[in-house]
Amino acid sequence: MLTTRYVNGAPNWLDLGTPDLEGALSFYGGLFGWTFLSAGPEAGGYGMLQLSGKTVAGAMTVTPDQGPPSWNVYFQTEDADATAKTAEQAGGSVVFQPMDVMDQGRMAFLADSRGVGFGIWQPAANPGLDTVTEPGSLCWTELYTPDVDAAKEFYGTVFDWVTTDVPFPGGTYTTVRPATGGDTSMFGGLVPVDMDPAEAQAGPYWLPYFEVTDPDATVAKAQEIGGTVRVPATDIPDVGRFAKLADRSGVRFAVIKSAESSS
């Protein structure tokens, strides 16, 4: 379970890069009730997406030359420079070199051994997201990858993740958790990208899941305000009811009412 008691290797930040920040704020505000708080003029337009005054993600404008619009997942590290070096040695690459973000922390953006991008965050004044697993916030992450075994090796080397293969309808689902935690600290999964028709065409990436109280109503609202339904609301026994969506700029994400949160 994802918590704000962040440990090394666990997701501790999430942000949205979009070519249309105003449109994104309108969309996610309508869908989740998020508001935007600017990080100030020195932050270059970056700001915090908040729910009831608590930060659930960051957001910024990206231009086509900066990369495609996407949600970006960041994992905690105690030494961003060392983690970036380890990622390179493990067959990955450094997209953006480690840099200080004012007094908030130190970050870098990397790519794994199959080219999938992810971030790292070394906390300082900002320890990470204010809230997770609550409705309207991040509750799970999934890596859609062309090579699950390579992902296990890469992320195991970089973050010391523990992986567990779980029997699943139609195959095996690989769960991941930090080394310093038991089974209850699981925060994500590794999925063969060609196993899911909704993902195979678009290619590998990290997919964030947001907890919701009513996936069907969320799907209907997303369509009403200009989003796209990629996978309709679907039940997974003992897991929950989920759907895969895309915002107005085509950024992919998922929503779920987790079984453990069901009444």
C-alpha atoms as a PDB file:
ATOM      1  CA  MET A   1       0.000   0.000   0.000  1.00  0.00           C
ATOM      2  CA  LEU A   2       1.303   3.403  -0.953  1.00  0.00           C
ATOM      3  CA  THR A   3       1.719   5.735   2.034  1.00  0.00           C
ATOM      4  CA  THR A   4       3.307   9.092   2.786  1.00  0.00           C
ATOM      5  CA  ARG A   5       5.786   7.368   5.101  1.00  0.00           C
ATOM      6  CA  TYR A   6       8.188   7.487   2.193  1.00  0.00           C
ATOM      7  CA  VAL A   7      11.160   5.142   2.003  1.00  0.00           C
ATOM      8  CA  ASN A   8      13.855   4.782  -0.639  1.00  0.00           C
ATOM      9  CA  GLY A   9      12.508   3.255  -3.824  1.00  0.00           C
ATOM     10  CA  ALA A  10       8.867   4.158  -3.193  1.00  0.00           C
ATOM     11  CA  PRO A  11       6.911   6.675  -5.306  1.00  0.00           C
ATOM     12  CA  ASN A  12       7.030  10.022  -3.536  1.00  0.00           C
ATOM     13  CA  TRP A  13       6.133  12.507  -6.274  1.00  0.00           C
ATOM     14  CA  LEU A  14       4.052  12.748  -9.418  1.00  0.00           C
ATOM     15  CA  ASP A  15       3.696  15.486 -11.967  1.00  0.00           C
ATOM     16  CA  LEU A  16       1.904  16.288 -15.181  1.00  0.00           C
ATOM     17  CA  GLY A  17       3.623  17.712 -18.222  1.00  0.00           C
ATOM     18  CA  THR A  18       1.043  19.122 -20.624  1.00  0.00           C
ATOM     19  CA  PRO A  19       0.991  21.444 -23.646  1.00  0.00           C
ATOM     20  CA  ASP A  20      -2.244  23.007 -22.351  1.00  0.00           C
ATOM     21  CA  LEU A  21      -1.963  23.734 -18.654  1.00  0.00           C
ATOM     22  CA  GLU A  22      -5.173  25.738 -18.452  1.00  0.00           C
ATOM     23  CA  GLY A  23      -7.088  22.985 -20.227  1.00  0.00           C
ATOM     24  CA  ALA A  24      -5.555  20.361 -17.947  1.00  0.00           C
ATOM     25  CA  LEU A  25      -6.460  22.338 -14.828  1.00  0.00           C
ATOM     26  CA  SER A  26     -10.032  22.616 -16.065  1.00  0.00           C
ATOM     27  CA  PHE A  27     -10.185  18.892 -16.849  1.00  0.00           C
ATOM     28  CA  TYR A  28      -8.682  17.548 -13.620  1.00  0.00           C
ATOM     29  CA  GLY A  29     -10.465  20.172 -11.569  1.00  0.00           C
ATOM     30  CA  GLY A  30     -13.745  18.956 -13.010  1.00  0.00           C
ATOM     31  CA  LEU A  31     -12.820  15.308 -12.585  1.00  0.00           C
ATOM     32  CA  PHE A  32     -11.177  15.237  -9.147  1.00  0.00           C
ATOM     33  CA  GLY A  33     -11.828  18.687  -7.680  1.00  0.00           C
ATOM     34  CA  TRP A  34      -8.140  19.658  -7.849  1.00  0.00           C
ATOM     35  CA  THR A  35      -6.995  23.274  -7.635  1.00  0.00           C
ATOM     36  CA  PHE A  36      -3.686  24.789  -8.780  1.00  0.00           C
ATOM     37  CA  LEU A  37      -1.197  26.583  -6.550  1.00  0.00           C
ATOM     38  CA  SER A  38       1.713  28.244  -8.334  1.00  0.00           C
ATOM     39  CA  ALA A  39       5.166  27.491  -6.946  1.00  0.00           C
ATOM     40  CA  GLY A  40       6.121  31.101  -7.674  1.00  0.00           C
ATOM     41  CA  PRO A  41       7.793  33.026 -10.502  1.00  0.00           C
ATOM     42  CA  GLU A  42      11.155  31.368  -9.848  1.00  0.00           C
ATOM     43  CA  ALA A  43       9.590  27.945 -10.590  1.00  0.00           C
ATOM     44  CA  GLY A  44       9.034  28.682 -14.281  1.00  0.00           C
ATOM     45  CA  GLY A  45       5.287  28.105 -14.234  1.00  0.00           C
ATOM     46  CA  TYR A  46       5.428  24.897 -12.184  1.00  0.00           C
ATOM     47  CA  GLY A  47       2.748  24.499  -9.569  1.00  0.00           C
ATOM     48  CA  MET A  48       0.991  22.143  -7.204  1.00  0.00           C
ATOM     49  CA  LEU A  49      -2.259  20.315  -7.849  1.00  0.00           C
ATOM     50  CA  GLN A  50      -4.103  20.261  -4.557  1.00  0.00           C
ATOM     51  CA  LEU A  51      -7.169  18.654  -3.028  1.00  0.00           C
ATOM     52  CA  SER A  52      -8.536  20.225   0.157  1.00  0.00           C
ATOM     53  CA  GLY A  53      -5.258  22.100   0.557  1.00  0.00           C
ATOM     54  CA  LYS A  54      -3.054  19.011   0.231  1.00  0.00           C
ATOM     55  CA  THR A  55      -0.709  18.475  -2.716  1.00  0.00           C
ATOM     56  CA  VAL A  56      -1.562  15.417  -4.801  1.00  0.00           C
ATOM     57  CA  ALA A  57       0.738  16.169  -7.772  1.00  0.00           C
ATOM     58  CA  GLY A  58       2.662  18.859  -9.613  1.00  0.00           C
ATOM     59  CA  ALA A  59       1.954  20.300 -13.066  1.00  0.00           C
ATOM     60  CA  MET A  60       3.750  22.308 -15.712  1.00  0.00           C
ATOM     61  CA  THR A  61       3.585  23.274 -19.364  1.00  0.00           C
ATOM     62  CA  VAL A  62       5.744  21.255 -21.768  1.00  0.00           C
ATOM     63  CA  THR A  63       6.453  22.164 -25.371  1.00  0.00           C
ATOM     64  CA  PRO A  64       6.799  19.583 -28.171  1.00  0.00           C
ATOM     65  CA  ASP A  65      10.602  19.883 -28.137  1.00  0.00           C
ATOM     66  CA  GLN A  66      10.611  19.083 -24.408  1.00  0.00           C
ATOM     67  CA  GLY A  67       8.808  15.803 -24.896  1.00  0.00           C
ATOM     68  CA  PRO A  68       5.300  14.358 -25.197  1.00  0.00           C
ATOM     69  CA  PRO A  69       2.610  15.174 -22.640  1.00  0.00           C
ATOM     70  CA  SER A  70       2.571  12.643 -19.807  1.00  0.00           C
ATOM     71  CA  TRP A  71       2.216  11.859 -16.141  1.00  0.00           C
ATOM     72  CA  ASN A  72       5.666  11.369 -14.592  1.00  0.00           C
ATOM     73  CA  VAL A  73       6.265   9.154 -11.565  1.00  0.00           C
ATOM     74  CA  TYR A  74       9.194   9.920  -9.227  1.00  0.00           C
ATOM     75  CA  PHE A  75      10.796   7.511  -6.773  1.00  0.00           C
ATOM     76  CA  GLN A  76      12.538   8.450  -3.546  1.00  0.00           C
ATOM     77  CA  THR A  77      16.301   8.338  -3.265  1.00  0.00           C
ATOM     78  CA  GLU A  78      18.680   9.525  -0.564  1.00  0.00           C
ATOM     79  CA  ASP A  79      21.291  10.421  -3.195  1.00  0.00           C
ATOM     80  CA  ALA A  80      20.046  11.502  -6.623  1.00  0.00           C
ATOM     81  CA  ASP A  81      23.541  11.662  -8.105  1.00  0.00           C
ATOM     82  CA  ALA A  82      24.423   8.142  -7.007  1.00  0.00           C
ATOM     83  CA  THR A  83      21.085   6.774  -8.227  1.00  0.00           C
ATOM     84  CA  ALA A  84      21.530   8.410 -11.632  1.00  0.00           C
ATOM     85  CA  LYS A  85      24.981   6.871 -11.931  1.00  0.00           C
ATOM     86  CA  THR A  86      23.679   3.443 -10.928  1.00  0.00           C
ATOM     87  CA  ALA A  87      20.896   3.710 -13.517  1.00  0.00           C
ATOM     88  CA  GLU A  88      23.455   4.381 -16.251  1.00  0.00           C
ATOM     89  CA  GLN A  89      25.589   1.465 -15.127  1.00  0.00           C
ATOM     90  CA  ALA A  90      22.497  -0.773 -15.198  1.00  0.00           C
ATOM     91  CA  GLY A  91      21.811   0.046 -18.848  1.00  0.00           C
ATOM     92  CA  GLY A  92      19.555   3.064 -18.436  1.00  0.00           C
ATOM     93  CA  SER A  93      20.213   6.698 -19.269  1.00  0.00           C
ATOM     94  CA  VAL A  94      20.048  10.148 -17.688  1.00  0.00           C
ATOM     95  CA  VAL A  95      17.569  12.373 -19.513  1.00  0.00           C
ATOM     96  CA  PHE A  96      17.996  15.358 -17.184  1.00  0.00           C
ATOM     97  CA  GLN A  97      21.013  15.481 -14.879  1.00  0.00           C
ATOM     98  CA  PRO A  98      20.484  15.789 -11.122  1.00  0.00           C
ATOM     99  CA  MET A  99      19.673  19.347 -10.117  1.00  0.00           C
ATOM    100  CA  ASP A 100      18.588  21.203  -7.001  1.00  0.00           C
ATOM    101  CA  VAL A 101      15.025  22.521  -6.978  1.00  0.00           C
ATOM    102  CA  MET A 102      15.503  25.577  -4.806  1.00  0.00           C
ATOM    103  CA  ASP A 103      15.513  24.303  -1.200  1.00  0.00           C
ATOM    104  CA  GLN A 104      12.850  21.699  -1.895  1.00  0.00           C
ATOM    105  CA  GLY A 105      15.005  18.749  -2.933  1.00  0.00           C
ATOM    106  CA  ARG A 106      17.169  17.350  -5.691  1.00  0.00           C
ATOM    107  CA  MET A 107      15.741  15.661  -8.760  1.00  0.00           C
ATOM    108  CA  ALA A 108      16.694  13.983 -12.000  1.00  0.00           C
ATOM    109  CA  PHE A 109      14.813  12.371 -14.850  1.00  0.00           C
ATOM    110  CA  LEU A 110      16.041   9.009 -16.070  1.00  0.00           C
ATOM    111  CA  ALA A 111      15.119   6.265 -18.514  1.00  0.00           C
ATOM    112  CA  ASP A 112      15.245   2.563 -17.752  1.00  0.00           C
ATOM    113  CA  SER A 113      17.035  -0.087 -19.822  1.00  0.00           C
ATOM    114  CA  ARG A 114      14.108  -0.186 -22.275  1.00  0.00           C
ATOM    115  CA  GLY A 115      13.807   3.593 -22.579  1.00  0.00           C
ATOM    116  CA  VAL A 116      10.859   4.198 -20.245  1.00  0.00           C
ATOM    117  CA  GLY A 117      11.133   7.516 -18.428  1.00  0.00           C
ATOM    118  CA  PHE A 118      10.818   8.057 -14.687  1.00  0.00           C
ATOM    119  CA  GLY A 119      11.982  10.586 -12.131  1.00  0.00           C
ATOM    120  CA  ILE A 120      13.867  10.467  -8.854  1.00  0.00           C
ATOM    121  CA  TRP A 121      13.369  12.834  -5.937  1.00  0.00           C
ATOM    122  CA  GLN A 122      15.807  13.390  -3.083  1.00  0.00           C
ATOM    123  CA  PRO A 123      13.731  15.197  -0.446  1.00  0.00           C
ATOM    124  CA  ALA A 124      14.814  18.310   1.395  1.00  0.00           C
ATOM    125  CA  ALA A 125      12.172  20.853   2.406  1.00  0.00           C
ATOM    126  CA  ASN A 126       9.606  18.958   0.334  1.00  0.00           C
ATOM    127  CA  PRO A 127       9.335  15.328   1.520  1.00  0.00           C
ATOM    128  CA  GLY A 128       6.859  14.353  -1.205  1.00  0.00           C
ATOM    129  CA  LEU A 129       3.144  14.312  -1.910  1.00  0.00           C
ATOM    130  CA  ASP A 130       0.944  15.369   1.001  1.00  0.00           C
ATOM    131  CA  THR A 131      -1.620  12.632   0.510  1.00  0.00           C
ATOM    132  CA  VAL A 132      -1.921   9.293  -1.307  1.00  0.00           C
ATOM    133  CA  THR A 133      -4.458   6.419  -1.447  1.00  0.00           C
ATOM    134  CA  GLU A 134      -7.315   8.776  -0.555  1.00  0.00           C
ATOM    135  CA  PRO A 135     -10.005   9.548  -3.170  1.00  0.00           C
ATOM    136  CA  GLY A 136      -8.541  11.949  -5.737  1.00  0.00           C
ATOM    137  CA  SER A 137      -4.917  10.978  -5.083  1.00  0.00           C
ATOM    138  CA  LEU A 138      -2.286   8.539  -6.320  1.00  0.00           C
ATOM    139  CA  CYS A 139      -2.807   4.994  -5.064  1.00  0.00           C
ATOM    140  CA  TRP A 140      -0.917   2.652  -7.436  1.00  0.00           C
ATOM    141  CA  THR A 141       1.578   2.654 -10.306  1.00  0.00           C
ATOM    142  CA  GLU A 142       2.117   0.248 -13.202  1.00  0.00           C
ATOM    143  CA  LEU A 143       5.000  -0.083 -15.604  1.00  0.00           C
ATOM    144  CA  TYR A 144       3.996  -1.281 -19.057  1.00  0.00           C
ATOM    145  CA  THR A 145       7.209  -2.685 -20.445  1.00  0.00           C
ATOM    146  CA  PRO A 146       8.341  -4.832 -23.391  1.00  0.00           C
ATOM    147  CA  ASP A 147      10.477  -6.929 -21.035  1.00  0.00           C
ATOM    148  CA  VAL A 148       9.353  -7.641 -17.474  1.00  0.00           C
ATOM    149  CA  ASP A 149      12.489  -9.629 -16.629  1.00  0.00           C
ATOM    150  CA  ALA A 150      14.714  -6.756 -17.771  1.00  0.00           C
ATOM    151  CA  ALA A 151      12.612  -4.345 -15.695  1.00  0.00           C
ATOM    152  CA  LYS A 152      13.007  -6.552 -12.626  1.00  0.00           C
ATOM    153  CA  GLU A 153      16.771  -6.545 -13.086  1.00  0.00           C
ATOM    154  CA  PHE A 154      17.073  -2.819 -13.795  1.00  0.00           C
ATOM    155  CA  TYR A 155      14.860  -1.491 -11.008  1.00  0.00           C
ATOM    156  CA  GLY A 156      16.136  -4.127  -8.622  1.00  0.00           C
ATOM    157  CA  THR A 157      19.645  -2.803  -9.205  1.00  0.00           C
ATOM    158  CA  VAL A 158      18.698   0.874  -9.034  1.00  0.00           C
ATOM    159  CA  PHE A 159      16.181   0.795  -6.162  1.00  0.00           C
ATOM    160  CA  ASP A 160      16.589  -2.656  -4.607  1.00  0.00           C
ATOM    161  CA  TRP A 161      12.921  -3.423  -5.267  1.00  0.00           C
ATOM    162  CA  VAL A 162      11.431  -6.735  -4.217  1.00  0.00           C
ATOM    163  CA  THR A 163       9.193  -8.336  -6.861  1.00  0.00           C
ATOM    164  CA  THR A 164       6.579 -11.063  -6.494  1.00  0.00           C
ATOM    165  CA  ASP A 165       4.891 -12.931  -9.340  1.00  0.00           C
ATOM    166  CA  VAL A 166       1.191 -13.413  -8.630  1.00  0.00           C
ATOM    167  CA  PRO A 167      -1.093 -15.717 -10.670  1.00  0.00           C
ATOM    168  CA  PHE A 168      -3.608 -13.608 -12.552  1.00  0.00           C
ATOM    169  CA  PRO A 169      -6.405 -14.357 -15.054  1.00  0.00           C
ATOM    170  CA  GLY A 170      -4.619 -14.785 -18.359  1.00  0.00           C
ATOM    171  CA  GLY A 171      -1.096 -14.806 -16.965  1.00  0.00           C
ATOM    172  CA  THR A 172       1.100 -13.502 -14.171  1.00  0.00           C
ATOM    173  CA  TYR A 173       1.152 -10.088 -12.537  1.00  0.00           C
ATOM    174  CA  THR A 174       4.423  -8.915 -10.994  1.00  0.00           C
ATOM    175  CA  THR A 175       4.056  -6.723  -7.915  1.00  0.00           C
ATOM    176  CA  VAL A 176       6.811  -4.450  -6.621  1.00  0.00           C
ATOM    177  CA  ARG A 177       7.619  -3.037  -3.192  1.00  0.00           C
ATOM    178  CA  PRO A 178      10.550  -1.327  -1.466  1.00  0.00           C
ATOM    179  CA  ALA A 179      13.170  -3.512   0.168  1.00  0.00           C
ATOM    180  CA  THR A 180      12.333  -1.983   3.561  1.00  0.00           C
ATOM    181  CA  GLY A 181       8.786  -3.196   3.904  1.00  0.00           C
ATOM    182  CA  GLY A 182       6.575  -6.252   3.864  1.00  0.00           C
ATOM    183  CA  ASP A 183       3.835  -7.244   1.457  1.00  0.00           C
ATOM    184  CA  THR A 184       1.653  -4.393   2.677  1.00  0.00           C
ATOM    185  CA  SER A 185       4.134  -1.879   1.205  1.00  0.00           C
ATOM    186  CA  MET A 186       3.434  -2.910  -2.412  1.00  0.00           C
ATOM    187  CA  PHE A 187       2.937   0.164  -4.582  1.00  0.00           C
ATOM    188  CA  GLY A 188       2.890  -1.071  -8.172  1.00  0.00           C
ATOM    189  CA  GLY A 189       3.129  -3.712 -10.822  1.00  0.00           C
ATOM    190  CA  LEU A 190       5.077  -4.677 -13.934  1.00  0.00           C
ATOM    191  CA  VAL A 191       3.000  -5.619 -16.981  1.00  0.00           C
ATOM    192  CA  PRO A 192       4.055  -6.851 -20.456  1.00  0.00           C
ATOM    193  CA  VAL A 193       2.972  -4.010 -22.718  1.00  0.00           C
ATOM    194  CA  ASP A 194       1.922  -6.350 -25.529  1.00  0.00           C
ATOM    195  CA  MET A 195      -0.444  -8.195 -23.177  1.00  0.00           C
ATOM    196  CA  ASP A 196      -2.839  -5.240 -23.096  1.00  0.00           C
ATOM    197  CA  PRO A 197      -4.289  -4.024 -26.419  1.00  0.00           C
ATOM    198  CA  ALA A 198      -5.014  -0.634 -24.849  1.00  0.00           C
ATOM    199  CA  GLU A 199      -1.298  -0.152 -24.192  1.00  0.00           C
ATOM    200  CA  ALA A 200       0.487  -2.028 -26.976  1.00  0.00           C
ATOM    201  CA  GLN A 201      -0.189   0.563 -29.665  1.00  0.00           C
ATOM    202  CA  ALA A 202       0.832   3.562 -27.541  1.00  0.00           C
ATOM    203  CA  GLY A 203       4.000   1.972 -26.175  1.00  0.00           C
ATOM    204  CA  PRO A 204       5.679   1.433 -22.778  1.00  0.00           C
ATOM    205  CA  TYR A 205       5.297   3.919 -19.922  1.00  0.00           C
ATOM    206  CA  TRP A 206       4.517   4.345 -16.224  1.00  0.00           C
ATOM    207  CA  LEU A 207       0.769   4.539 -15.545  1.00  0.00           C
ATOM    208  CA  PRO A 208      -0.535   6.271 -12.388  1.00  0.00           C
ATOM    209  CA  TYR A 209      -3.772   5.144 -10.748  1.00  0.00           C
ATOM    210  CA  PHE A 210      -5.943   7.567  -8.797  1.00  0.00           C
ATOM    211  CA  GLU A 211      -8.347   6.354  -6.122  1.00  0.00           C
ATOM    212  CA  VAL A 212     -12.015   7.263  -6.707  1.00  0.00           C
ATOM    213  CA  THR A 213     -15.241   6.488  -4.900  1.00  0.00           C
ATOM    214  CA  ASP A 214     -17.251   5.715  -8.058  1.00  0.00           C
ATOM    215  CA  PRO A 215     -15.337   4.624 -11.196  1.00  0.00           C
ATOM    216  CA  ASP A 216     -18.460   4.618 -13.375  1.00  0.00           C
ATOM    217  CA  ALA A 217     -19.348   8.169 -12.443  1.00  0.00           C
ATOM    218  CA  THR A 218     -15.715   9.210 -12.978  1.00  0.00           C
ATOM    219  CA  VAL A 219     -15.704   7.657 -16.447  1.00  0.00           C
ATOM    220  CA  ALA A 220     -18.940   9.445 -17.351  1.00  0.00           C
ATOM    221  CA  LYS A 221     -17.580  12.761 -16.061  1.00  0.00           C
ATOM    222  CA  ALA A 222     -14.297  12.325 -17.980  1.00  0.00           C
ATOM    223  CA  GLN A 223     -16.223  11.856 -21.221  1.00  0.00           C
ATOM    224  CA  GLU A 224     -18.451  14.836 -20.448  1.00  0.00           C
ATOM    225  CA  ILE A 225     -15.479  17.194 -20.000  1.00  0.00           C
ATOM    226  CA  GLY A 226     -13.463  16.066 -23.023  1.00  0.00           C
ATOM    227  CA  GLY A 227     -11.530  13.015 -21.884  1.00  0.00           C
ATOM    228  CA  THR A 228     -11.250   9.624 -23.565  1.00  0.00           C
ATOM    229  CA  VAL A 229     -12.147   6.204 -22.200  1.00  0.00           C
ATOM    230  CA  ARG A 230      -9.397   3.727 -23.051  1.00  0.00           C
ATOM    231  CA  VAL A 231     -10.738   0.844 -20.964  1.00  0.00           C
ATOM    232  CA  PRO A 232     -14.277   1.082 -19.530  1.00  0.00           C
ATOM    233  CA  ALA A 233     -14.974   0.485 -15.855  1.00  0.00           C
ATOM    234  CA  THR A 234     -14.146  -3.163 -15.150  1.00  0.00           C
ATOM    235  CA  ASP A 235     -14.147  -5.336 -12.054  1.00  0.00           C
ATOM    236  CA  ILE A 236     -11.080  -7.335 -11.004  1.00  0.00           C
ATOM    237  CA  PRO A 237     -11.919  -9.773  -8.209  1.00  0.00           C
ATOM    238  CA  ASP A 238     -10.247  -8.903  -4.888  1.00  0.00           C
ATOM    239  CA  VAL A 239      -8.580  -5.866  -6.494  1.00  0.00           C
ATOM    240  CA  GLY A 240     -11.337  -3.382  -7.280  1.00  0.00           C
ATOM    241  CA  ARG A 241     -13.157  -1.668 -10.120  1.00  0.00           C
ATOM    242  CA  PHE A 242     -10.933   0.327 -12.467  1.00  0.00           C
ATOM    243  CA  ALA A 243     -10.927   2.213 -15.758  1.00  0.00           C
ATOM    244  CA  LYS A 244      -8.237   3.616 -18.018  1.00  0.00           C
ATOM    245  CA  LEU A 245      -8.694   7.139 -19.294  1.00  0.00           C
ATOM    246  CA  ALA A 246      -6.874   9.903 -21.168  1.00  0.00           C
ATOM    247  CA  ASP A 247      -7.209  13.637 -20.656  1.00  0.00           C
ATOM    248  CA  ARG A 248      -7.858  16.241 -23.347  1.00  0.00           C
ATOM    249  CA  SER A 249      -4.213  16.168 -24.454  1.00  0.00           C
ATOM    250  CA  GLY A 250      -4.114  12.377 -24.618  1.00  0.00           C
ATOM    251  CA  VAL A 251      -2.226  11.867 -21.339  1.00  0.00           C
ATOM    252  CA  ARG A 252      -2.927   8.367 -20.026  1.00  0.00           C
ATOM    253  CA  PHE A 253      -3.980   7.579 -16.464  1.00  0.00           C
ATOM    254  CA  ALA A 254      -6.240   5.179 -14.596  1.00  0.00           C
ATOM    255  CA  VAL A 255      -8.796   5.358 -11.807  1.00  0.00           C
ATOM    256  CA  ILE A 256      -9.799   2.661  -9.351  1.00  0.00           C
ATOM    257  CA  LYS A 257     -12.054   2.010  -6.408  1.00  0.00           C
ATOM    258  CA  SER A 258      -9.803  -0.369  -4.539  1.00  0.00           C
ATOM    259  CA  ALA A 259     -11.425  -3.439  -3.027  1.00  0.00           C
ATOM    260  CA  GLU A 260      -9.939  -2.616   0.373  1.00  0.00           C
ATOM    261  CA  SER A 261     -11.607   0.804   0.271  1.00  0.00           C
ATOM    262  CA  SER A 262     -15.021  -0.594  -0.668  1.00  0.00           C
ATOM    263  CA  SER A 263     -17.738  -0.535   1.941  1.00  0.00           C
END
